[in-house]
Every structure is written in C-alpha cells, then in structure tokens.
C-alpha atoms as a PDB file:
ATOM      1  CA  MET A   1    -241.464  15.217  76.870  1.00  0.00           C
ATOM      2  CA  THR A   2    -241.818  16.121  80.539  1.00  0.00           C
ATOM      3  CA  MET A   3    -244.020  19.033  81.572  1.00  0.00           C
ATOM      4  CA  TYR A   4    -244.001  20.945  84.847  1.00  0.00           C
ATOM      5  CA  ALA A   5    -246.827  23.091  86.203  1.00  0.00           C
ATOM      6  CA  ARG A   6    -247.091  25.379  89.202  1.00  0.00           C
ATOM      7  CA  ALA A   7    -250.096  27.156  90.632  1.00  0.00           C
ATOM      8  CA  ALA A   8    -250.482  29.770  93.341  1.00  0.00           C
ATOM      9  CA  SER A   9    -253.287  31.757  94.905  1.00  0.00           C
ATOM     10  CA  CYS A  10    -253.218  34.653  97.362  1.00  0.00           C
ATOM     11  CA  ASP A  11    -255.752  36.863  99.131  1.00  0.00           C
ATOM     12  CA  ILE A  12    -254.838  40.533  98.459  1.00  0.00           C
ATOM     13  CA  THR A  13    -257.813  42.163 100.183  1.00  0.00           C
ATOM     14  CA  PRO A  14    -256.677  45.251 102.148  1.00  0.00           C
ATOM     15  CA  ARG A  15    -257.968  44.515 105.658  1.00  0.00           C
ATOM     16  CA  ASP A  16    -255.618  46.556 107.826  1.00  0.00           C
ATOM     17  CA  ARG A  17    -256.941  50.006 106.838  1.00  0.00           C
ATOM     18  CA  PRO A  18    -259.982  51.685 105.232  1.00  0.00           C
ATOM     19  CA  VAL A  19    -259.762  52.142 101.445  1.00  0.00           C
ATOM     20  CA  ARG A  20    -261.115  54.938  99.257  1.00  0.00           C
ATOM     21  CA  LEU A  21    -262.987  53.643  96.208  1.00  0.00           C
ATOM     22  CA  ALA A  22    -262.289  55.316  92.859  1.00  0.00           C
ATOM     23  CA  GLY A  23    -265.337  56.163  90.774  1.00  0.00           C
ATOM     24  CA  TYR A  24    -267.748  56.614  93.679  1.00  0.00           C
ATOM     25  CA  ALA A  25    -268.007  60.397  94.033  1.00  0.00           C
ATOM     26  CA  ALA A  26    -271.013  60.176  96.376  1.00  0.00           C
ATOM     27  CA  ARG A  27    -268.930  58.407  99.041  1.00  0.00           C
ATOM     28  CA  ARG A  28    -267.195  60.868 101.330  1.00  0.00           C
ATOM     29  CA  GLN A  29    -265.556  58.352 103.673  1.00  0.00           C
ATOM     30  CA  PRO A  30    -263.317  55.340 103.022  1.00  0.00           C
ATOM     31  CA  VAL A  31    -264.886  51.886 102.971  1.00  0.00           C
ATOM     32  CA  SER A  32    -263.985  49.701 105.959  1.00  0.00           C
ATOM     33  CA  VAL A  33    -266.230  46.635 105.449  1.00  0.00           C
ATOM     34  CA  VAL A  34    -265.202  43.775 103.136  1.00  0.00           C
ATOM     35  CA  LEU A  35    -268.142  42.140 101.349  1.00  0.00           C
ATOM     36  CA  ASP A  36    -266.139  40.156  98.771  1.00  0.00           C
ATOM     37  CA  PRO A  37    -262.449  39.339  99.222  1.00  0.00           C
ATOM     38  CA  ILE A  38    -260.010  39.948  96.351  1.00  0.00           C
ATOM     39  CA  GLU A  39    -257.999  36.898  95.309  1.00  0.00           C
ATOM     40  CA  VAL A  40    -255.291  36.623  92.665  1.00  0.00           C
ATOM     41  CA  SER A  41    -254.306  33.323  91.039  1.00  0.00           C
ATOM     42  CA  ALA A  42    -251.543  32.339  88.631  1.00  0.00           C
ATOM     43  CA  VAL A  43    -250.544  29.202  86.733  1.00  0.00           C
ATOM     44  CA  ARG A  44    -247.178  28.579  85.101  1.00  0.00           C
ATOM     45  CA  SER A  45    -246.314  25.666  82.860  1.00  0.00           C
ATOM     46  CA  MET A  46    -243.048  24.747  81.158  1.00  0.00           C
ATOM     47  CA  ARG A  47    -241.268  21.886  79.465  1.00  0.00           C
ATOM     48  CA  ALA A  48    -238.448  20.176  81.328  1.00  0.00           C
ATOM     49  CA  ASP A  49    -235.926  20.898  78.539  1.00  0.00           C
ATOM     50  CA  ASP A  50    -236.497  24.712  78.681  1.00  0.00           C
ATOM     51  CA  ALA A  51    -234.040  26.770  80.690  1.00  0.00           C
ATOM     52  CA  VAL A  52    -235.535  28.851  83.493  1.00  0.00           C
END
C-alpha cells in the first residue's frame, strides 16, 4: 500500500491595516503592532488507490 502526504503552512497575520480586536471594550483604537504572528498549518494524507 502506497501512502501520500502533503503539508502546507501560511502566515495569515493582517499586516497591511490596523485591526480591531473583539472582546477588548477598553480599547478605542485599532491595534497596529504585531507581537505574535498568526500561522495556519494543514496536513493531508491519502492512500494511492483512493480517488481524489
């Protein structure tokens, strides 16, 4: 049985504009400084005999 695997990762941090944070009522202005980037990752595996 042959197995295939694929992996991908992407930075989705909004850097081109300020962002309003939900749940922070004390903040009156959007946040424009990135302290921790947001990254999304995915892994897909399948057998060679499965149709895509």
